[in-house]
Amino acid sequence: MSVKGCIFDLDGVIVDTAKYHYLAWKRLAKELGFEFTIKDNERLKGVSRMKSLEILLEIGGLNFDDETKIKLAEKKNNWYVEYISKIDKSEIFIGVEKFLISLRENGIKTALGSASKNAMIILNNLGIEKYFDAIIDGNKVKKAKPDPEVFLLAAKELNIEPKDCVVFEDAEAGIEAAKNAGMYVIGVGSSDKLHGADKVILGFNEVNIDIINFS
């Protein structure tokens, strides 16, 4: 098996925290006086918090100074943290934990590569932090996907060449970032939304680690 390391996005791959992001952004939009739809929310997948705010304000036709934007982003994040503080192990996608254990049993290193600044809260609540050899989150990266920084840092911490890594992603920006890093990509979700992935799976429930064999 040529792959030596697997890097996982968090939102939409391991757990559905996207719904909590959506609830928080929708709450902020309502406070600002406009509607934020599920379709609008698709534009925020894999995007940093401040960039997400810019998109939200663009949808609402609003603009604010930098200080106000920071306060709005903090307000949204406080609501989001309030929501995710209540999640537990039951919210992990089916098959994910078994897959992570199987990787480790077979000597494949694992890392988290997420734009989320709250990744540690989520991993701790889910009880799966122990399965990762490296955790790269929004507190460690400066550039948002599709920039490859998050995945390149993960490979560096794993001490593995990018070409020997496979990334699991559910968003176009993440797939592009992984490709920009020179890595294999397995899309998680619907194939019609994950163009550019080397392979696509609906989830981890019916796959085993043979899926990472690209040799």
C-alpha atoms as a PDB file:
ATOM      1  CA  MET A   1       0.000   0.000   0.000  1.00  0.00           C
ATOM      2  CA  SER A   2       1.649   3.216  -1.182  1.00  0.00           C
ATOM      3  CA  VAL A   3      -0.209   5.585   1.166  1.00  0.00           C
ATOM      4  CA  LYS A   4       1.547   6.163   4.490  1.00  0.00           C
ATOM      5  CA  GLY A   5      -0.699   8.838   5.978  1.00  0.00           C
ATOM      6  CA  CYS A   6      -4.379   9.828   5.951  1.00  0.00           C
ATOM      7  CA  ILE A   7      -5.542  13.380   6.614  1.00  0.00           C
ATOM      8  CA  PHE A   8      -9.149  14.042   7.529  1.00  0.00           C
ATOM      9  CA  ASP A   9     -11.189  17.184   7.257  1.00  0.00           C
ATOM     10  CA  LEU A  10     -13.554  17.506  10.231  1.00  0.00           C
ATOM     11  CA  ASP A  11     -16.840  19.125   9.268  1.00  0.00           C
ATOM     12  CA  GLY A  12     -18.842  16.852   6.970  1.00  0.00           C
ATOM     13  CA  VAL A  13     -16.275  14.034   7.054  1.00  0.00           C
ATOM     14  CA  ILE A  14     -16.091  12.930  10.689  1.00  0.00           C
ATOM     15  CA  VAL A  15     -19.116  14.700  12.138  1.00  0.00           C
ATOM     16  CA  ASP A  16     -21.849  17.021  10.906  1.00  0.00           C
ATOM     17  CA  THR A  17     -20.896  20.264  12.586  1.00  0.00           C
ATOM     18  CA  ALA A  18     -21.915  22.104   9.424  1.00  0.00           C
ATOM     19  CA  LYS A  19     -25.487  22.198  10.712  1.00  0.00           C
ATOM     20  CA  TYR A  20     -24.313  24.110  13.786  1.00  0.00           C
ATOM     21  CA  HIS A  21     -22.316  26.540  11.656  1.00  0.00           C
ATOM     22  CA  TYR A  22     -25.456  27.072   9.599  1.00  0.00           C
ATOM     23  CA  LEU A  23     -27.626  27.699  12.663  1.00  0.00           C
ATOM     24  CA  ALA A  24     -25.118  30.256  13.984  1.00  0.00           C
ATOM     25  CA  TRP A  25     -24.731  32.069  10.636  1.00  0.00           C
ATOM     26  CA  LYS A  26     -28.515  32.039  10.123  1.00  0.00           C
ATOM     27  CA  ARG A  27     -28.974  33.520  13.595  1.00  0.00           C
ATOM     28  CA  LEU A  28     -26.469  36.279  12.791  1.00  0.00           C
ATOM     29  CA  ALA A  29     -28.124  37.045   9.452  1.00  0.00           C
ATOM     30  CA  LYS A  30     -31.529  37.266  11.115  1.00  0.00           C
ATOM     31  CA  GLU A  31     -30.116  39.710  13.660  1.00  0.00           C
ATOM     32  CA  LEU A  32     -28.722  41.779  10.773  1.00  0.00           C
ATOM     33  CA  GLY A  33     -32.110  41.757   9.064  1.00  0.00           C
ATOM     34  CA  PHE A  34     -31.899  39.269   6.192  1.00  0.00           C
ATOM     35  CA  GLU A  35     -32.464  35.590   5.402  1.00  0.00           C
ATOM     36  CA  PHE A  36     -29.601  33.118   5.089  1.00  0.00           C
ATOM     37  CA  THR A  37     -30.598  29.877   3.346  1.00  0.00           C
ATOM     38  CA  ILE A  38     -29.175  26.357   3.222  1.00  0.00           C
ATOM     39  CA  LYS A  39     -28.248  27.040  -0.410  1.00  0.00           C
ATOM     40  CA  ASP A  40     -26.328  30.151   0.683  1.00  0.00           C
ATOM     41  CA  ASN A  41     -24.569  28.026   3.292  1.00  0.00           C
ATOM     42  CA  GLU A  42     -23.051  25.801   0.578  1.00  0.00           C
ATOM     43  CA  ARG A  43     -20.742  28.713  -0.300  1.00  0.00           C
ATOM     44  CA  LEU A  44     -19.249  28.605   3.198  1.00  0.00           C
ATOM     45  CA  LYS A  45     -18.058  24.965   3.104  1.00  0.00           C
ATOM     46  CA  GLY A  46     -14.342  24.685   3.779  1.00  0.00           C
ATOM     47  CA  VAL A  47     -13.982  28.468   4.065  1.00  0.00           C
ATOM     48  CA  SER A  48     -12.416  30.374   6.981  1.00  0.00           C
ATOM     49  CA  ARG A  49     -14.545  32.230   9.516  1.00  0.00           C
ATOM     50  CA  MET A  50     -13.737  35.755   8.301  1.00  0.00           C
ATOM     51  CA  LYS A  51     -14.142  34.796   4.640  1.00  0.00           C
ATOM     52  CA  SER A  52     -17.473  33.192   5.548  1.00  0.00           C
ATOM     53  CA  LEU A  53     -18.551  36.453   7.182  1.00  0.00           C
ATOM     54  CA  GLU A  54     -17.606  38.371   4.031  1.00  0.00           C
ATOM     55  CA  ILE A  55     -19.806  36.028   1.966  1.00  0.00           C
ATOM     56  CA  LEU A  56     -22.670  36.383   4.449  1.00  0.00           C
ATOM     57  CA  LEU A  57     -22.474  40.183   4.354  1.00  0.00           C
ATOM     58  CA  GLU A  58     -22.305  40.106   0.559  1.00  0.00           C
ATOM     59  CA  ILE A  59     -25.534  38.064   0.516  1.00  0.00           C
ATOM     60  CA  GLY A  60     -27.158  40.609   2.827  1.00  0.00           C
ATOM     61  CA  GLY A  61     -25.805  43.552   0.844  1.00  0.00           C
ATOM     62  CA  LEU A  62     -24.055  44.891   3.934  1.00  0.00           C
ATOM     63  CA  ASN A  63     -20.590  46.168   4.743  1.00  0.00           C
ATOM     64  CA  PHE A  64     -18.929  47.088   8.019  1.00  0.00           C
ATOM     65  CA  ASP A  65     -15.556  48.283   9.232  1.00  0.00           C
ATOM     66  CA  ASP A  66     -12.982  45.717  10.307  1.00  0.00           C
ATOM     67  CA  GLU A  67     -13.626  46.171  14.024  1.00  0.00           C
ATOM     68  CA  THR A  68     -17.340  45.486  13.586  1.00  0.00           C
ATOM     69  CA  LYS A  69     -16.624  42.466  11.395  1.00  0.00           C
ATOM     70  CA  ILE A  70     -14.397  40.971  14.088  1.00  0.00           C
ATOM     71  CA  LYS A  71     -17.157  41.465  16.686  1.00  0.00           C
ATOM     72  CA  LEU A  72     -19.745  39.861  14.384  1.00  0.00           C
ATOM     73  CA  ALA A  73     -17.476  36.874  13.723  1.00  0.00           C
ATOM     74  CA  GLU A  74     -16.889  36.463  17.464  1.00  0.00           C
ATOM     75  CA  LYS A  75     -20.624  36.596  18.133  1.00  0.00           C
ATOM     76  CA  LYS A  76     -21.248  33.896  15.532  1.00  0.00           C
ATOM     77  CA  ASN A  77     -18.442  31.769  16.961  1.00  0.00           C
ATOM     78  CA  ASN A  78     -19.784  32.080  20.517  1.00  0.00           C
ATOM     79  CA  TRP A  79     -23.152  30.785  19.322  1.00  0.00           C
ATOM     80  CA  TYR A  80     -21.430  27.961  17.427  1.00  0.00           C
ATOM     81  CA  VAL A  81     -19.371  26.951  20.479  1.00  0.00           C
ATOM     82  CA  GLU A  82     -22.578  26.981  22.523  1.00  0.00           C
ATOM     83  CA  TYR A  83     -24.090  24.492  20.055  1.00  0.00           C
ATOM     84  CA  ILE A  84     -21.076  22.166  19.693  1.00  0.00           C
ATOM     85  CA  SER A  85     -20.439  22.047  23.449  1.00  0.00           C
ATOM     86  CA  LYS A  86     -23.464  19.765  23.611  1.00  0.00           C
ATOM     87  CA  ILE A  87     -22.373  17.224  20.977  1.00  0.00           C
ATOM     88  CA  ASP A  88     -21.220  13.750  22.002  1.00  0.00           C
ATOM     89  CA  LYS A  89     -19.910  10.468  20.618  1.00  0.00           C
ATOM     90  CA  SER A  90     -23.319   9.610  19.136  1.00  0.00           C
ATOM     91  CA  GLU A  91     -22.826  12.260  16.439  1.00  0.00           C
ATOM     92  CA  ILE A  92     -19.725  10.694  14.839  1.00  0.00           C
ATOM     93  CA  PHE A  93     -20.597   9.477  11.347  1.00  0.00           C
ATOM     94  CA  ILE A  94     -21.134   5.715  11.172  1.00  0.00           C
ATOM     95  CA  GLY A  95     -17.959   3.800  10.404  1.00  0.00           C
ATOM     96  CA  VAL A  96     -15.496   6.643  11.048  1.00  0.00           C
ATOM     97  CA  GLU A  97     -14.142   5.407  14.386  1.00  0.00           C
ATOM     98  CA  LYS A  98     -13.779   1.845  13.085  1.00  0.00           C
ATOM     99  CA  PHE A  99     -11.934   3.167  10.015  1.00  0.00           C
ATOM    100  CA  LEU A 100      -9.544   5.252  12.143  1.00  0.00           C
ATOM    101  CA  ILE A 101      -8.774   2.269  14.370  1.00  0.00           C
ATOM    102  CA  SER A 102      -8.140   0.081  11.319  1.00  0.00           C
ATOM    103  CA  LEU A 103      -5.678   2.617   9.886  1.00  0.00           C
ATOM    104  CA  ARG A 104      -3.691   2.712  13.103  1.00  0.00           C
ATOM    105  CA  GLU A 105      -3.683  -1.082  13.400  1.00  0.00           C
ATOM    106  CA  ASN A 106      -2.167  -1.208   9.914  1.00  0.00           C
ATOM    107  CA  GLY A 107       0.562   1.328  10.619  1.00  0.00           C
ATOM    108  CA  ILE A 108      -1.020   4.198   8.679  1.00  0.00           C
ATOM    109  CA  LYS A 109      -0.508   7.561  10.372  1.00  0.00           C
ATOM    110  CA  THR A 110      -3.493   9.875  10.760  1.00  0.00           C
ATOM    111  CA  ALA A 111      -3.960  13.630  10.983  1.00  0.00           C
ATOM    112  CA  LEU A 112      -6.763  16.133  11.183  1.00  0.00           C
ATOM    113  CA  GLY A 113      -6.614  18.965   8.646  1.00  0.00           C
ATOM    114  CA  SER A 114      -9.420  21.408   9.352  1.00  0.00           C
ATOM    115  CA  ALA A 115     -10.079  25.122   9.047  1.00  0.00           C
ATOM    116  CA  SER A 116     -12.044  24.966  12.300  1.00  0.00           C
ATOM    117  CA  LYS A 117     -10.614  26.855  15.254  1.00  0.00           C
ATOM    118  CA  ASN A 118     -12.807  24.761  17.520  1.00  0.00           C
ATOM    119  CA  ALA A 119     -11.538  21.369  16.350  1.00  0.00           C
ATOM    120  CA  MET A 120     -10.146  20.387  19.769  1.00  0.00           C
ATOM    121  CA  ILE A 121     -13.475  21.033  21.499  1.00  0.00           C
ATOM    122  CA  ILE A 122     -15.210  18.798  18.971  1.00  0.00           C
ATOM    123  CA  LEU A 123     -12.603  16.004  19.083  1.00  0.00           C
ATOM    124  CA  ASN A 124     -12.651  15.986  22.888  1.00  0.00           C
ATOM    125  CA  ASN A 125     -16.450  15.864  23.008  1.00  0.00           C
ATOM    126  CA  LEU A 126     -16.458  13.012  20.487  1.00  0.00           C
ATOM    127  CA  GLY A 127     -13.703  11.174  22.350  1.00  0.00           C
ATOM    128  CA  ILE A 128     -11.580  10.568  19.252  1.00  0.00           C
ATOM    129  CA  GLU A 129      -8.576  12.857  19.757  1.00  0.00           C
ATOM    130  CA  LYS A 130      -6.505   9.765  20.637  1.00  0.00           C
ATOM    131  CA  TYR A 131      -6.774   8.440  17.074  1.00  0.00           C
ATOM    132  CA  PHE A 132      -4.794  11.303  15.516  1.00  0.00           C
ATOM    133  CA  ASP A 133      -1.007  11.547  15.340  1.00  0.00           C
ATOM    134  CA  ALA A 134      -1.249  15.222  14.352  1.00  0.00           C
ATOM    135  CA  ILE A 135      -3.954  17.869  14.605  1.00  0.00           C
ATOM    136  CA  ILE A 136      -3.784  20.896  12.323  1.00  0.00           C
ATOM    137  CA  ASP A 137      -6.660  23.314  12.837  1.00  0.00           C
ATOM    138  CA  GLY A 138      -7.569  26.918  12.182  1.00  0.00           C
ATOM    139  CA  ASN A 139      -5.324  28.051  15.030  1.00  0.00           C
ATOM    140  CA  LYS A 140      -2.225  26.730  13.252  1.00  0.00           C
ATOM    141  CA  VAL A 141      -2.828  27.906   9.679  1.00  0.00           C
ATOM    142  CA  LYS A 142      -2.847  31.369   8.138  1.00  0.00           C
ATOM    143  CA  LYS A 143      -4.189  30.541   4.682  1.00  0.00           C
ATOM    144  CA  ALA A 144      -7.622  29.110   3.969  1.00  0.00           C
ATOM    145  CA  LYS A 145      -8.376  26.272   1.580  1.00  0.00           C
ATOM    146  CA  PRO A 146      -7.911  25.955  -1.414  1.00  0.00           C
ATOM    147  CA  ASP A 147      -4.430  26.990  -0.265  1.00  0.00           C
ATOM    148  CA  PRO A 148      -2.648  23.701   0.611  1.00  0.00           C
ATOM    149  CA  GLU A 149      -1.079  24.996   3.851  1.00  0.00           C
ATOM    150  CA  VAL A 150      -3.248  22.939   6.233  1.00  0.00           C
ATOM    151  CA  PHE A 151      -2.475  19.662   4.471  1.00  0.00           C
ATOM    152  CA  LEU A 152       1.208  20.400   3.962  1.00  0.00           C
ATOM    153  CA  LEU A 153       1.545  21.158   7.685  1.00  0.00           C
ATOM    154  CA  ALA A 154      -0.213  17.903   8.499  1.00  0.00           C
ATOM    155  CA  ALA A 155       2.173  15.926   6.276  1.00  0.00           C
ATOM    156  CA  LYS A 156       5.123  17.711   7.872  1.00  0.00           C
ATOM    157  CA  GLU A 157       3.959  16.839  11.405  1.00  0.00           C
ATOM    158  CA  LEU A 158       3.426  13.230  10.328  1.00  0.00           C
ATOM    159  CA  ASN A 159       6.909  13.282   8.765  1.00  0.00           C
ATOM    160  CA  ILE A 160       5.464  11.924   5.514  1.00  0.00           C
ATOM    161  CA  GLU A 161       5.922  13.180   1.960  1.00  0.00           C
ATOM    162  CA  PRO A 162       2.778  14.815   0.486  1.00  0.00           C
ATOM    163  CA  LYS A 163       2.756  12.288  -2.373  1.00  0.00           C
ATOM    164  CA  ASP A 164       2.317   9.503   0.220  1.00  0.00           C
ATOM    165  CA  CYS A 165      -0.779  11.093   1.793  1.00  0.00           C
ATOM    166  CA  VAL A 166      -4.463  10.784   1.047  1.00  0.00           C
ATOM    167  CA  VAL A 167      -6.969  13.415   2.144  1.00  0.00           C
ATOM    168  CA  PHE A 168     -10.630  12.809   3.000  1.00  0.00           C
ATOM    169  CA  GLU A 169     -12.700  15.887   2.101  1.00  0.00           C
ATOM    170  CA  ASP A 170     -16.343  16.849   1.581  1.00  0.00           C
ATOM    171  CA  ALA A 171     -15.865  20.268  -0.053  1.00  0.00           C
ATOM    172  CA  GLU A 172     -14.583  21.496  -3.402  1.00  0.00           C
ATOM    173  CA  ALA A 173     -12.196  23.958  -1.738  1.00  0.00           C
ATOM    174  CA  GLY A 174     -10.718  21.141   0.325  1.00  0.00           C
ATOM    175  CA  ILE A 175     -10.305  18.856  -2.671  1.00  0.00           C
ATOM    176  CA  GLU A 176      -8.546  21.654  -4.540  1.00  0.00           C
ATOM    177  CA  ALA A 177      -6.299  22.299  -1.513  1.00  0.00           C
ATOM    178  CA  ALA A 178      -5.313  18.632  -1.318  1.00  0.00           C
ATOM    179  CA  LYS A 179      -4.539  18.543  -5.042  1.00  0.00           C
ATOM    180  CA  ASN A 180      -2.493  21.733  -4.659  1.00  0.00           C
ATOM    181  CA  ALA A 181      -0.543  19.895  -1.941  1.00  0.00           C
ATOM    182  CA  GLY A 182       0.213  17.039  -4.340  1.00  0.00           C
ATOM    183  CA  MET A 183      -1.890  14.503  -2.448  1.00  0.00           C
ATOM    184  CA  TYR A 184      -4.490  11.901  -3.329  1.00  0.00           C
ATOM    185  CA  VAL A 185      -8.061  12.874  -2.461  1.00  0.00           C
ATOM    186  CA  ILE A 186     -11.080  10.792  -1.510  1.00  0.00           C
ATOM    187  CA  GLY A 187     -14.289  12.789  -1.594  1.00  0.00           C
ATOM    188  CA  VAL A 188     -16.893  12.034   1.070  1.00  0.00           C
ATOM    189  CA  GLY A 189     -20.431  12.660  -0.092  1.00  0.00           C
ATOM    190  CA  SER A 190     -22.214  12.989  -3.416  1.00  0.00           C
ATOM    191  CA  SER A 191     -20.017  12.493  -6.507  1.00  0.00           C
ATOM    192  CA  ASP A 192     -21.779  15.256  -8.454  1.00  0.00           C
ATOM    193  CA  LYS A 193     -20.495  17.817  -5.925  1.00  0.00           C
ATOM    194  CA  LEU A 194     -16.957  16.485  -5.522  1.00  0.00           C
ATOM    195  CA  HIS A 195     -15.333  17.007  -8.895  1.00  0.00           C
ATOM    196  CA  GLY A 196     -11.585  16.524  -8.877  1.00  0.00           C
ATOM    197  CA  ALA A 197     -11.458  13.792  -6.229  1.00  0.00           C
ATOM    198  CA  ASP A 198      -9.541  10.632  -7.136  1.00  0.00           C
ATOM    199  CA  LYS A 199     -12.279   8.531  -5.551  1.00  0.00           C
ATOM    200  CA  VAL A 200     -15.633   9.293  -3.940  1.00  0.00           C
ATOM    201  CA  ILE A 201     -17.369   7.442  -1.107  1.00  0.00           C
ATOM    202  CA  LEU A 202     -20.777   8.139   0.421  1.00  0.00           C
ATOM    203  CA  GLY A 203     -19.369   7.483   3.894  1.00  0.00           C
ATOM    204  CA  PHE A 204     -17.212   5.114   5.913  1.00  0.00           C
ATOM    205  CA  ASN A 205     -19.904   2.608   6.786  1.00  0.00           C
ATOM    206  CA  GLU A 206     -19.261   0.180   3.909  1.00  0.00           C
ATOM    207  CA  VAL A 207     -15.568   0.770   3.098  1.00  0.00           C
ATOM    208  CA  ASN A 208     -12.333  -0.598   4.529  1.00  0.00           C
ATOM    209  CA  ILE A 209      -8.757   0.635   4.309  1.00  0.00           C
ATOM    210  CA  ASP A 210      -8.340  -0.920   0.861  1.00  0.00           C
ATOM    211  CA  ILE A 211      -9.969   2.327  -0.347  1.00  0.00           C
ATOM    212  CA  ILE A 212      -6.645   4.144   0.205  1.00  0.00           C
ATOM    213  CA  ASN A 213      -4.727   1.838  -2.124  1.00  0.00           C
ATOM    214  CA  PHE A 214      -3.671   3.979  -5.090  1.00  0.00           C
ATOM    215  CA  SER A 215      -0.771   1.817  -6.282  1.00  0.00           C
END
